Amino acid sequence: TALEYAIVLGNRRVHFMAGIVPVGLNPVAAHEHYCQNLSRAAVLA
């Protein structure tokens, strides 16, 4: 959705928000989820 807007607006940079780590979620797991989503999002971008 953000990329659809970016294309129309000629916007070349989008901030990809990481999120708040849920209580009880292992920090290593949070890091893995984040890096997986960021890398896949970067391919789309």
ModelCIF file with pLDDT and N, C-alpha, C, O atoms, coordinates in Angstrom:
data_MODEL
#
_entry.id   MODEL 
#
_entity.id                         1 
_entity.type                       polymer 
_entity.pdbx_number_of_molecules   1 
#
_entity_poly.entity_id                      1 
_entity_poly.type                           'polypeptide(L)' 
_entity_poly.nstd_linkage                   no 
_entity_poly.nstd_monomer                   no 
_entity_poly.pdbx_seq_one_letter_code       TALEYAIVLGNRRVHFMAGIVPVGLNPVAAHEHYCQNLSRAAVLA 
_entity_poly.pdbx_seq_one_letter_code_can   TALEYAIVLGNRRVHFMAGIVPVGLNPVAAHEHYCQNLSRAAVLA 
_entity_poly.pdbx_strand_id                 A 
#
loop_
_entity_poly_seq.entity_id 
_entity_poly_seq.num 
_entity_poly_seq.mon_id 
_entity_poly_seq.hetero 
1 1  THR n 
1 2  ALA n 
1 3  LEU n 
1 4  GLU n 
1 5  TYR n 
1 6  ALA n 
1 7  ILE n 
1 8  VAL n 
1 9  LEU n 
1 10 GLY n 
1 11 ASN n 
1 12 ARG n 
1 13 ARG n 
1 14 VAL n 
1 15 HIS n 
1 16 PHE n 
1 17 MET n 
1 18 ALA n 
1 19 GLY n 
1 20 ILE n 
1 21 VAL n 
1 22 PRO n 
1 23 VAL n 
1 24 GLY n 
1 25 LEU n 
1 26 ASN n 
1 27 PRO n 
1 28 VAL n 
1 29 ALA n 
1 30 ALA n 
1 31 HIS n 
1 32 GLU n 
1 33 HIS n 
1 34 TYR n 
1 35 CYS n 
1 36 GLN n 
1 37 ASN n 
1 38 LEU n 
1 39 SER n 
1 40 ARG n 
1 41 ALA n 
1 42 ALA n 
1 43 VAL n 
1 44 LEU n 
1 45 ALA n 
#
_struct_asym.id          A 
_struct_asym.entity_id   1 
#
loop_
_ma_qa_metric.id 
_ma_qa_metric.mode 
_ma_qa_metric.name 
_ma_qa_metric.software_group_id 
_ma_qa_metric.type 
1 global pLDDT . pLDDT 
2 local  pLDDT . pLDDT 
#
_ma_qa_metric_global.metric_id      1 
_ma_qa_metric_global.metric_value   96.91 
_ma_qa_metric_global.model_id       1 
_ma_qa_metric_global.ordinal_id     1 
#
loop_
_ma_qa_metric_local.label_asym_id 
_ma_qa_metric_local.label_comp_id 
_ma_qa_metric_local.label_seq_id 
_ma_qa_metric_local.metric_id 
_ma_qa_metric_local.metric_value 
_ma_qa_metric_local.model_id 
_ma_qa_metric_local.ordinal_id 
A THR 1  2 98.00 1 1  
A ALA 2  2 98.00 1 2  
A LEU 3  2 98.00 1 3  
A GLU 4  2 98.00 1 4  
A TYR 5  2 98.00 1 5  
A ALA 6  2 98.00 1 6  
A ILE 7  2 98.00 1 7  
A VAL 8  2 98.00 1 8  
A LEU 9  2 98.00 1 9  
A GLY 10 2 98.00 1 10 
A ASN 11 2 98.00 1 11 
A ARG 12 2 98.00 1 12 
A ARG 13 2 98.00 1 13 
A VAL 14 2 98.00 1 14 
A HIS 15 2 98.00 1 15 
A PHE 16 2 98.00 1 16 
A MET 17 2 98.00 1 17 
A ALA 18 2 98.00 1 18 
A GLY 19 2 97.00 1 19 
A ILE 20 2 97.00 1 20 
A VAL 21 2 96.00 1 21 
A PRO 22 2 92.00 1 22 
A VAL 23 2 91.00 1 23 
A GLY 24 2 91.00 1 24 
A LEU 25 2 94.00 1 25 
A ASN 26 2 94.00 1 26 
A PRO 27 2 93.00 1 27 
A VAL 28 2 96.00 1 28 
A ALA 29 2 96.00 1 29 
A ALA 30 2 96.00 1 30 
A HIS 31 2 97.00 1 31 
A GLU 32 2 97.00 1 32 
A HIS 33 2 96.00 1 33 
A TYR 34 2 97.00 1 34 
A CYS 35 2 98.00 1 35 
A GLN 36 2 97.00 1 36 
A ASN 37 2 98.00 1 37 
A LEU 38 2 98.00 1 38 
A SER 39 2 98.00 1 39 
A ARG 40 2 98.00 1 40 
A ALA 41 2 98.00 1 41 
A ALA 42 2 98.00 1 42 
A VAL 43 2 98.00 1 43 
A LEU 44 2 98.00 1 44 
A ALA 45 2 98.00 1 45 
#
loop_
_atom_site.group_PDB 
_atom_site.id 
_atom_site.type_symbol 
_atom_site.label_atom_id 
_atom_site.label_alt_id 
_atom_site.label_comp_id 
_atom_site.label_asym_id 
_atom_site.label_entity_id 
_atom_site.label_seq_id 
_atom_site.pdbx_PDB_ins_code 
_atom_site.Cartn_x 
_atom_site.Cartn_y 
_atom_site.Cartn_z 
_atom_site.occupancy 
_atom_site.B_iso_or_equiv 
_atom_site.pdbx_formal_charge 
_atom_site.auth_seq_id 
_atom_site.auth_comp_id 
_atom_site.auth_asym_id 
_atom_site.auth_atom_id 
_atom_site.pdbx_PDB_model_num 
ATOM 1   N N  . THR A 1 1  ? 0.836  -1.208  0.000  1.00 98.00 ? 1  THR A N  1 
ATOM 2   C CA . THR A 1 1  ? 0.000  0.000   0.000  1.00 98.00 ? 1  THR A CA 1 
ATOM 3   C C  . THR A 1 1  ? 0.867  1.251   0.000  1.00 98.00 ? 1  THR A C  1 
ATOM 4   O O  . THR A 1 1  ? 0.595  2.194   -0.743 1.00 98.00 ? 1  THR A O  1 
ATOM 5   N N  . ALA A 1 2  ? 1.912  1.267   0.831  1.00 98.00 ? 2  ALA A N  1 
ATOM 6   C CA . ALA A 1 2  ? 2.812  2.413   0.875  1.00 98.00 ? 2  ALA A CA 1 
ATOM 7   C C  . ALA A 1 2  ? 3.471  2.652   -0.474 1.00 98.00 ? 2  ALA A C  1 
ATOM 8   O O  . ALA A 1 2  ? 3.633  3.798   -0.892 1.00 98.00 ? 2  ALA A O  1 
ATOM 9   N N  . LEU A 1 3  ? 3.850  1.586   -1.154 1.00 98.00 ? 3  LEU A N  1 
ATOM 10  C CA . LEU A 1 3  ? 4.516  1.727   -2.456 1.00 98.00 ? 3  LEU A CA 1 
ATOM 11  C C  . LEU A 1 3  ? 3.565  2.279   -3.502 1.00 98.00 ? 3  LEU A C  1 
ATOM 12  O O  . LEU A 1 3  ? 3.983  3.020   -4.392 1.00 98.00 ? 3  LEU A O  1 
ATOM 13  N N  . GLU A 1 4  ? 2.287  1.924   -3.403 1.00 98.00 ? 4  GLU A N  1 
ATOM 14  C CA . GLU A 1 4  ? 1.301  2.501   -4.327 1.00 98.00 ? 4  GLU A CA 1 
ATOM 15  C C  . GLU A 1 4  ? 1.260  4.022   -4.179 1.00 98.00 ? 4  GLU A C  1 
ATOM 16  O O  . GLU A 1 4  ? 1.217  4.749   -5.171 1.00 98.00 ? 4  GLU A O  1 
ATOM 17  N N  . TYR A 1 5  ? 1.274  4.491   -2.934 1.00 98.00 ? 5  TYR A N  1 
ATOM 18  C CA . TYR A 1 5  ? 1.313  5.937   -2.694 1.00 98.00 ? 5  TYR A CA 1 
ATOM 19  C C  . TYR A 1 5  ? 2.638  6.526   -3.171 1.00 98.00 ? 5  TYR A C  1 
ATOM 20  O O  . TYR A 1 5  ? 2.663  7.584   -3.799 1.00 98.00 ? 5  TYR A O  1 
ATOM 21  N N  . ALA A 1 6  ? 3.727  5.843   -2.873 1.00 98.00 ? 6  ALA A N  1 
ATOM 22  C CA . ALA A 1 6  ? 5.046  6.371   -3.222 1.00 98.00 ? 6  ALA A CA 1 
ATOM 23  C C  . ALA A 1 6  ? 5.179  6.594   -4.722 1.00 98.00 ? 6  ALA A C  1 
ATOM 24  O O  . ALA A 1 6  ? 5.759  7.589   -5.158 1.00 98.00 ? 6  ALA A O  1 
ATOM 25  N N  . ILE A 1 7  ? 4.650  5.681   -5.498 1.00 98.00 ? 7  ILE A N  1 
ATOM 26  C CA . ILE A 1 7  ? 4.737  5.806   -6.951 1.00 98.00 ? 7  ILE A CA 1 
ATOM 27  C C  . ILE A 1 7  ? 3.985  7.045   -7.429 1.00 98.00 ? 7  ILE A C  1 
ATOM 28  O O  . ILE A 1 7  ? 4.492  7.798   -8.261 1.00 98.00 ? 7  ILE A O  1 
ATOM 29  N N  . VAL A 1 8  ? 2.789  7.256   -6.910 1.00 98.00 ? 8  VAL A N  1 
ATOM 30  C CA . VAL A 1 8  ? 1.986  8.419   -7.321 1.00 98.00 ? 8  VAL A CA 1 
ATOM 31  C C  . VAL A 1 8  ? 2.654  9.717   -6.879 1.00 98.00 ? 8  VAL A C  1 
ATOM 32  O O  . VAL A 1 8  ? 2.651  10.700  -7.620 1.00 98.00 ? 8  VAL A O  1 
ATOM 33  N N  . LEU A 1 9  ? 3.227  9.726   -5.678 1.00 98.00 ? 9  LEU A N  1 
ATOM 34  C CA . LEU A 1 9  ? 3.782  10.952  -5.103 1.00 98.00 ? 9  LEU A CA 1 
ATOM 35  C C  . LEU A 1 9  ? 5.228  11.214  -5.521 1.00 98.00 ? 9  LEU A C  1 
ATOM 36  O O  . LEU A 1 9  ? 5.788  12.260  -5.192 1.00 98.00 ? 9  LEU A O  1 
ATOM 37  N N  . GLY A 1 10 ? 5.831  10.275  -6.239 1.00 98.00 ? 10 GLY A N  1 
ATOM 38  C CA . GLY A 1 10 ? 7.236  10.436  -6.594 1.00 98.00 ? 10 GLY A CA 1 
ATOM 39  C C  . GLY A 1 10 ? 8.155  10.360  -5.388 1.00 98.00 ? 10 GLY A C  1 
ATOM 40  O O  . GLY A 1 10 ? 9.236  10.948  -5.387 1.00 98.00 ? 10 GLY A O  1 
ATOM 41  N N  . ASN A 1 11 ? 7.730  9.641   -4.371 1.00 98.00 ? 11 ASN A N  1 
ATOM 42  C CA . ASN A 1 11 ? 8.438  9.531   -3.101 1.00 98.00 ? 11 ASN A CA 1 
ATOM 43  C C  . ASN A 1 11 ? 9.418  8.357   -3.164 1.00 98.00 ? 11 ASN A C  1 
ATOM 44  O O  . ASN A 1 11 ? 9.021  7.234   -3.474 1.00 98.00 ? 11 ASN A O  1 
ATOM 45  N N  . ARG A 1 12 ? 10.688 8.611   -2.871 1.00 98.00 ? 12 ARG A N  1 
ATOM 46  C CA . ARG A 1 12 ? 11.723 7.588   -3.033 1.00 98.00 ? 12 ARG A CA 1 
ATOM 47  C C  . ARG A 1 12 ? 12.116 6.896   -1.728 1.00 98.00 ? 12 ARG A C  1 
ATOM 48  O O  . ARG A 1 12 ? 12.907 5.953   -1.756 1.00 98.00 ? 12 ARG A O  1 
ATOM 49  N N  . ARG A 1 13 ? 11.584 7.340   -0.583 1.00 98.00 ? 13 ARG A N  1 
ATOM 50  C CA . ARG A 1 13 ? 11.981 6.734   0.688  1.00 98.00 ? 13 ARG A CA 1 
ATOM 51  C C  . ARG A 1 13 ? 10.755 6.518   1.570  1.00 98.00 ? 13 ARG A C  1 
ATOM 52  O O  . ARG A 1 13 ? 9.922  7.411   1.723  1.00 98.00 ? 13 ARG A O  1 
ATOM 53  N N  . VAL A 1 14 ? 10.655 5.328   2.143  1.00 98.00 ? 14 VAL A N  1 
ATOM 54  C CA . VAL A 1 14 ? 9.550  4.962   3.031  1.00 98.00 ? 14 VAL A CA 1 
ATOM 55  C C  . VAL A 1 14 ? 10.134 4.413   4.325  1.00 98.00 ? 14 VAL A C  1 
ATOM 56  O O  . VAL A 1 14 ? 11.016 3.555   4.307  1.00 98.00 ? 14 VAL A O  1 
ATOM 57  N N  . HIS A 1 15 ? 9.631  4.918   5.450  1.00 98.00 ? 15 HIS A N  1 
ATOM 58  C CA . HIS A 1 15 ? 10.064 4.431   6.757  1.00 98.00 ? 15 HIS A CA 1 
ATOM 59  C C  . HIS A 1 15 ? 9.313  3.139   7.087  1.00 98.00 ? 15 HIS A C  1 
ATOM 60  O O  . HIS A 1 15 ? 8.083  3.120   7.125  1.00 98.00 ? 15 HIS A O  1 
ATOM 61  N N  . PHE A 1 16 ? 10.051 2.082   7.320  1.00 98.00 ? 16 PHE A N  1 
ATOM 62  C CA . PHE A 1 16 ? 9.518  0.760   7.638  1.00 98.00 ? 16 PHE A CA 1 
ATOM 63  C C  . PHE A 1 16 ? 9.585  0.582   9.147  1.00 98.00 ? 16 PHE A C  1 
ATOM 64  O O  . PHE A 1 16 ? 10.656 0.325   9.697  1.00 98.00 ? 16 PHE A O  1 
ATOM 65  N N  . MET A 1 17 ? 8.436  0.719   9.823  1.00 98.00 ? 17 MET A N  1 
ATOM 66  C CA . MET A 1 17 ? 8.426  0.685   11.274 1.00 98.00 ? 17 MET A CA 1 
ATOM 67  C C  . MET A 1 17 ? 8.580  -0.735  11.804 1.00 98.00 ? 17 MET A C  1 
ATOM 68  O O  . MET A 1 17 ? 8.000  -1.679  11.266 1.00 98.00 ? 17 MET A O  1 
ATOM 69  N N  . ALA A 1 18 ? 9.366  -0.872  12.862 1.00 98.00 ? 18 ALA A N  1 
ATOM 70  C CA . ALA A 1 18 ? 9.726  -2.193  13.377 1.00 98.00 ? 18 ALA A CA 1 
ATOM 71  C C  . ALA A 1 18 ? 8.655  -2.809  14.262 1.00 98.00 ? 18 ALA A C  1 
ATOM 72  O O  . ALA A 1 18 ? 8.383  -4.007  14.177 1.00 98.00 ? 18 ALA A O  1 
ATOM 73  N N  . GLY A 1 19 ? 8.050  -1.992  15.109 1.00 97.00 ? 19 GLY A N  1 
ATOM 74  C CA . GLY A 1 19 ? 7.053  -2.501  16.031 1.00 97.00 ? 19 GLY A CA 1 
ATOM 75  C C  . GLY A 1 19 ? 7.560  -2.581  17.461 1.00 97.00 ? 19 GLY A C  1 
ATOM 76  O O  . GLY A 1 19 ? 8.763  -2.530  17.715 1.00 97.00 ? 19 GLY A O  1 
ATOM 77  N N  . ILE A 1 20 ? 6.628  -2.705  18.384 1.00 97.00 ? 20 ILE A N  1 
ATOM 78  C CA . ILE A 1 20 ? 6.917  -2.858  19.804 1.00 97.00 ? 20 ILE A CA 1 
ATOM 79  C C  . ILE A 1 20 ? 6.974  -4.347  20.130 1.00 97.00 ? 20 ILE A C  1 
ATOM 80  O O  . ILE A 1 20 ? 6.060  -5.100  19.795 1.00 97.00 ? 20 ILE A O  1 
ATOM 81  N N  . VAL A 1 21 ? 8.033  -4.756  20.772 1.00 96.00 ? 21 VAL A N  1 
ATOM 82  C CA . VAL A 1 21 ? 8.243  -6.181  21.069 1.00 96.00 ? 21 VAL A CA 1 
ATOM 83  C C  . VAL A 1 21 ? 7.241  -6.616  22.139 1.00 96.00 ? 21 VAL A C  1 
ATOM 84  O O  . VAL A 1 21 ? 7.212  -6.039  23.226 1.00 96.00 ? 21 VAL A O  1 
ATOM 85  N N  . PRO A 1 22 ? 6.426  -7.616  21.846 1.00 92.00 ? 22 PRO A N  1 
ATOM 86  C CA . PRO A 1 22 ? 5.451  -8.072  22.851 1.00 92.00 ? 22 PRO A CA 1 
ATOM 87  C C  . PRO A 1 22 ? 6.132  -8.628  24.103 1.00 92.00 ? 22 PRO A C  1 
ATOM 88  O O  . PRO A 1 22 ? 7.201  -9.234  24.028 1.00 92.00 ? 22 PRO A O  1 
ATOM 89  N N  . VAL A 1 23 ? 5.506  -8.412  25.227 1.00 91.00 ? 23 VAL A N  1 
ATOM 90  C CA . VAL A 1 23 ? 6.020  -8.988  26.473 1.00 91.00 ? 23 VAL A CA 1 
ATOM 91  C C  . VAL A 1 23 ? 6.073  -10.507 26.331 1.00 91.00 ? 23 VAL A C  1 
ATOM 92  O O  . VAL A 1 23 ? 5.098  -11.142 25.930 1.00 91.00 ? 23 VAL A O  1 
ATOM 93  N N  . GLY A 1 24 ? 7.222  -11.071 26.665 1.00 91.00 ? 24 GLY A N  1 
ATOM 94  C CA . GLY A 1 24 ? 7.375  -12.522 26.589 1.00 91.00 ? 24 GLY A CA 1 
ATOM 95  C C  . GLY A 1 24 ? 7.977  -13.022 25.307 1.00 91.00 ? 24 GLY A C  1 
ATOM 96  O O  . GLY A 1 24 ? 8.383  -14.182 25.242 1.00 91.00 ? 24 GLY A O  1 
ATOM 97  N N  . LEU A 1 25 ? 8.056  -12.192 24.273 1.00 94.00 ? 25 LEU A N  1 
ATOM 98  C CA . LEU A 1 25 ? 8.664  -12.630 23.016 1.00 94.00 ? 25 LEU A CA 1 
ATOM 99  C C  . LEU A 1 25 ? 10.178 -12.575 23.157 1.00 94.00 ? 25 LEU A C  1 
ATOM 100 O O  . LEU A 1 25 ? 10.734 -11.548 23.546 1.00 94.00 ? 25 LEU A O  1 
ATOM 101 N N  . ASN A 1 26 ? 10.835 -13.668 22.846 1.00 94.00 ? 26 ASN A N  1 
ATOM 102 C CA . ASN A 1 26 ? 12.291 -13.738 22.904 1.00 94.00 ? 26 ASN A CA 1 
ATOM 103 C C  . ASN A 1 26 ? 12.906 -12.701 21.969 1.00 94.00 ? 26 ASN A C  1 
ATOM 104 O O  . ASN A 1 26 ? 12.510 -12.635 20.806 1.00 94.00 ? 26 ASN A O  1 
ATOM 105 N N  . PRO A 1 27 ? 13.854 -11.891 22.427 1.00 93.00 ? 27 PRO A N  1 
ATOM 106 C CA . PRO A 1 27 ? 14.467 -10.876 21.560 1.00 93.00 ? 27 PRO A CA 1 
ATOM 107 C C  . PRO A 1 27 ? 15.089 -11.459 20.298 1.00 93.00 ? 27 PRO A C  1 
ATOM 108 O O  . PRO A 1 27 ? 15.083 -10.813 19.250 1.00 93.00 ? 27 PRO A O  1 
ATOM 109 N N  . VAL A 1 28 ? 15.628 -12.680 20.388 1.00 96.00 ? 28 VAL A N  1 
ATOM 110 C CA . VAL A 1 28 ? 16.210 -13.319 19.206 1.00 96.00 ? 28 VAL A CA 1 
ATOM 111 C C  . VAL A 1 28 ? 15.119 -13.609 18.176 1.00 96.00 ? 28 VAL A C  1 
ATOM 112 O O  . VAL A 1 28 ? 15.321 -13.419 16.976 1.00 96.00 ? 28 VAL A O  1 
ATOM 113 N N  . ALA A 1 29 ? 13.970 -14.067 18.651 1.00 96.00 ? 29 ALA A N  1 
ATOM 114 C CA . ALA A 1 29 ? 12.852 -14.330 17.753 1.00 96.00 ? 29 ALA A CA 1 
ATOM 115 C C  . ALA A 1 29 ? 12.356 -13.036 17.122 1.00 96.00 ? 29 ALA A C  1 
ATOM 116 O O  . ALA A 1 29 ? 12.056 -13.006 15.929 1.00 96.00 ? 29 ALA A O  1 
ATOM 117 N N  . ALA A 1 30 ? 12.265 -11.971 17.907 1.00 96.00 ? 30 ALA A N  1 
ATOM 118 C CA . ALA A 1 30 ? 11.838 -10.670 17.366 1.00 96.00 ? 30 ALA A CA 1 
ATOM 119 C C  . ALA A 1 30 ? 12.792 -10.214 16.271 1.00 96.00 ? 30 ALA A C  1 
ATOM 120 O O  . ALA A 1 30 ? 12.370 -9.712  15.229 1.00 96.00 ? 30 ALA A O  1 
ATOM 121 N N  . HIS A 1 31 ? 14.085 -10.395 16.522 1.00 97.00 ? 31 HIS A N  1 
ATOM 122 C CA . HIS A 1 31 ? 15.099 -10.021 15.528 1.00 97.00 ? 31 HIS A CA 1 
ATOM 123 C C  . HIS A 1 31 ? 14.918 -10.827 14.237 1.00 97.00 ? 31 HIS A C  1 
ATOM 124 O O  . HIS A 1 31 ? 15.015 -10.276 13.140 1.00 97.00 ? 31 HIS A O  1 
ATOM 125 N N  . GLU A 1 32 ? 14.660 -12.106 14.369 1.00 97.00 ? 32 GLU A N  1 
ATOM 126 C CA . GLU A 1 32 ? 14.490 -12.961 13.185 1.00 97.00 ? 32 GLU A CA 1 
ATOM 127 C C  . GLU A 1 32 ? 13.250 -12.550 12.387 1.00 97.00 ? 32 GLU A C  1 
ATOM 128 O O  . GLU A 1 32 ? 13.303 -12.445 11.162 1.00 97.00 ? 32 GLU A O  1 
ATOM 129 N N  . HIS A 1 33 ? 12.135 -12.320 13.086 1.00 96.00 ? 33 HIS A N  1 
ATOM 130 C CA . HIS A 1 33 ? 10.919 -11.879 12.395 1.00 96.00 ? 33 HIS A CA 1 
ATOM 131 C C  . HIS A 1 33 ? 11.167 -10.557 11.665 1.00 96.00 ? 33 HIS A C  1 
ATOM 132 O O  . HIS A 1 33 ? 10.774 -10.375 10.513 1.00 96.00 ? 33 HIS A O  1 
ATOM 133 N N  . TYR A 1 34 ? 11.821 -9.656  12.365 1.00 97.00 ? 34 TYR A N  1 
ATOM 134 C CA . TYR A 1 34 ? 12.063 -8.328  11.797 1.00 97.00 ? 34 TYR A CA 1 
ATOM 135 C C  . TYR A 1 34 ? 12.929 -8.410  10.540 1.00 97.00 ? 34 TYR A C  1 
ATOM 136 O O  . TYR A 1 34 ? 12.595 -7.824  9.510  1.00 97.00 ? 34 TYR A O  1 
ATOM 137 N N  . CYS A 1 35 ? 14.018 -9.126  10.629 1.00 98.00 ? 35 CYS A N  1 
ATOM 138 C CA . CYS A 1 35 ? 14.936 -9.201  9.485  1.00 98.00 ? 35 CYS A CA 1 
ATOM 139 C C  . CYS A 1 35 ? 14.286 -9.906  8.296  1.00 98.00 ? 35 CYS A C  1 
ATOM 140 O O  . CYS A 1 35 ? 14.506 -9.512  7.150  1.00 98.00 ? 35 CYS A O  1 
ATOM 141 N N  . GLN A 1 36 ? 13.499 -10.930 8.551  1.00 97.00 ? 36 GLN A N  1 
ATOM 142 C CA . GLN A 1 36 ? 12.804 -11.616 7.459  1.00 97.00 ? 36 GLN A CA 1 
ATOM 143 C C  . GLN A 1 36 ? 11.824 -10.671 6.768  1.00 97.00 ? 36 GLN A C  1 
ATOM 144 O O  . GLN A 1 36 ? 11.790 -10.592 5.541  1.00 97.00 ? 36 GLN A O  1 
ATOM 145 N N  . ASN A 1 37 ? 11.039 -9.966  7.553  1.00 98.00 ? 37 ASN A N  1 
ATOM 146 C CA . ASN A 1 37 ? 10.053 -9.053  6.962  1.00 98.00 ? 37 ASN A CA 1 
ATOM 147 C C  . ASN A 1 37 ? 10.722 -7.875  6.261  1.00 98.00 ? 37 ASN A C  1 
ATOM 148 O O  . ASN A 1 37 ? 10.278 -7.448  5.196  1.00 98.00 ? 37 ASN A O  1 
ATOM 149 N N  . LEU A 1 38 ? 11.778 -7.358  6.853  1.00 98.00 ? 38 LEU A N  1 
ATOM 150 C CA . LEU A 1 38 ? 12.484 -6.232  6.242  1.00 98.00 ? 38 LEU A CA 1 
ATOM 151 C C  . LEU A 1 38 ? 13.103 -6.632  4.908  1.00 98.00 ? 38 LEU A C  1 
ATOM 152 O O  . LEU A 1 38 ? 13.007 -5.884  3.935  1.00 98.00 ? 38 LEU A O  1 
ATOM 153 N N  . SER A 1 39 ? 13.725 -7.784  4.851  1.00 98.00 ? 39 SER A N  1 
ATOM 154 C CA . SER A 1 39 ? 14.369 -8.200  3.601  1.00 98.00 ? 39 SER A CA 1 
ATOM 155 C C  . SER A 1 39 ? 13.334 -8.457  2.513  1.00 98.00 ? 39 SER A C  1 
ATOM 156 O O  . SER A 1 39 ? 13.564 -8.116  1.353  1.00 98.00 ? 39 SER A O  1 
ATOM 157 N N  . ARG A 1 40 ? 12.201 -9.052  2.867  1.00 98.00 ? 40 ARG A N  1 
ATOM 158 C CA . ARG A 1 40 ? 11.154 -9.292  1.866  1.00 98.00 ? 40 ARG A CA 1 
ATOM 159 C C  . ARG A 1 40 ? 10.514 -7.982  1.419  1.00 98.00 ? 40 ARG A C  1 
ATOM 160 O O  . ARG A 1 40 ? 10.202 -7.805  0.241  1.00 98.00 ? 40 ARG A O  1 
ATOM 161 N N  . ALA A 1 41 ? 10.319 -7.065  2.369  1.00 98.00 ? 41 ALA A N  1 
ATOM 162 C CA . ALA A 1 41 ? 9.765  -5.766  2.012  1.00 98.00 ? 41 ALA A CA 1 
ATOM 163 C C  . ALA A 1 41 ? 10.716 -4.991  1.104  1.00 98.00 ? 41 ALA A C  1 
ATOM 164 O O  . ALA A 1 41 ? 10.276 -4.285  0.196  1.00 98.00 ? 41 ALA A O  1 
ATOM 165 N N  . ALA A 1 42 ? 12.016 -5.123  1.351  1.00 98.00 ? 42 ALA A N  1 
ATOM 166 C CA . ALA A 1 42 ? 13.000 -4.407  0.538  1.00 98.00 ? 42 ALA A CA 1 
ATOM 167 C C  . ALA A 1 42 ? 12.984 -4.893  -0.913 1.00 98.00 ? 42 ALA A C  1 
ATOM 168 O O  . ALA A 1 42 ? 13.197 -4.106  -1.835 1.00 98.00 ? 42 ALA A O  1 
ATOM 169 N N  . VAL A 1 43 ? 12.735 -6.170  -1.112 1.00 98.00 ? 43 VAL A N  1 
ATOM 170 C CA . VAL A 1 43 ? 12.641 -6.693  -2.477 1.00 98.00 ? 43 VAL A CA 1 
ATOM 171 C C  . VAL A 1 43 ? 11.448 -6.060  -3.191 1.00 98.00 ? 43 VAL A C  1 
ATOM 172 O O  . VAL A 1 43 ? 11.556 -5.666  -4.353 1.00 98.00 ? 43 VAL A O  1 
ATOM 173 N N  . LEU A 1 44 ? 10.315 -5.963  -2.504 1.00 98.00 ? 44 LEU A N  1 
ATOM 174 C CA . LEU A 1 44 ? 9.144  -5.304  -3.093 1.00 98.00 ? 44 LEU A CA 1 
ATOM 175 C C  . LEU A 1 44 ? 9.455  -3.836  -3.402 1.00 98.00 ? 44 LEU A C  1 
ATOM 176 O O  . LEU A 1 44 ? 9.121  -3.335  -4.476 1.00 98.00 ? 44 LEU A O  1 
ATOM 177 N N  . ALA A 1 45 ? 10.098 -3.156  -2.451 1.00 98.00 ? 45 ALA A N  1 
ATOM 178 C CA . ALA A 1 45 ? 10.388 -1.738  -2.630 1.00 98.00 ? 45 ALA A CA 1 
ATOM 179 C C  . ALA A 1 45 ? 11.357 -1.496  -3.778 1.00 98.00 ? 45 ALA A C  1 
ATOM 180 O O  . ALA A 1 45 ? 11.705 -0.349  -4.060 1.00 98.00 ? 45 ALA A O  1 
#
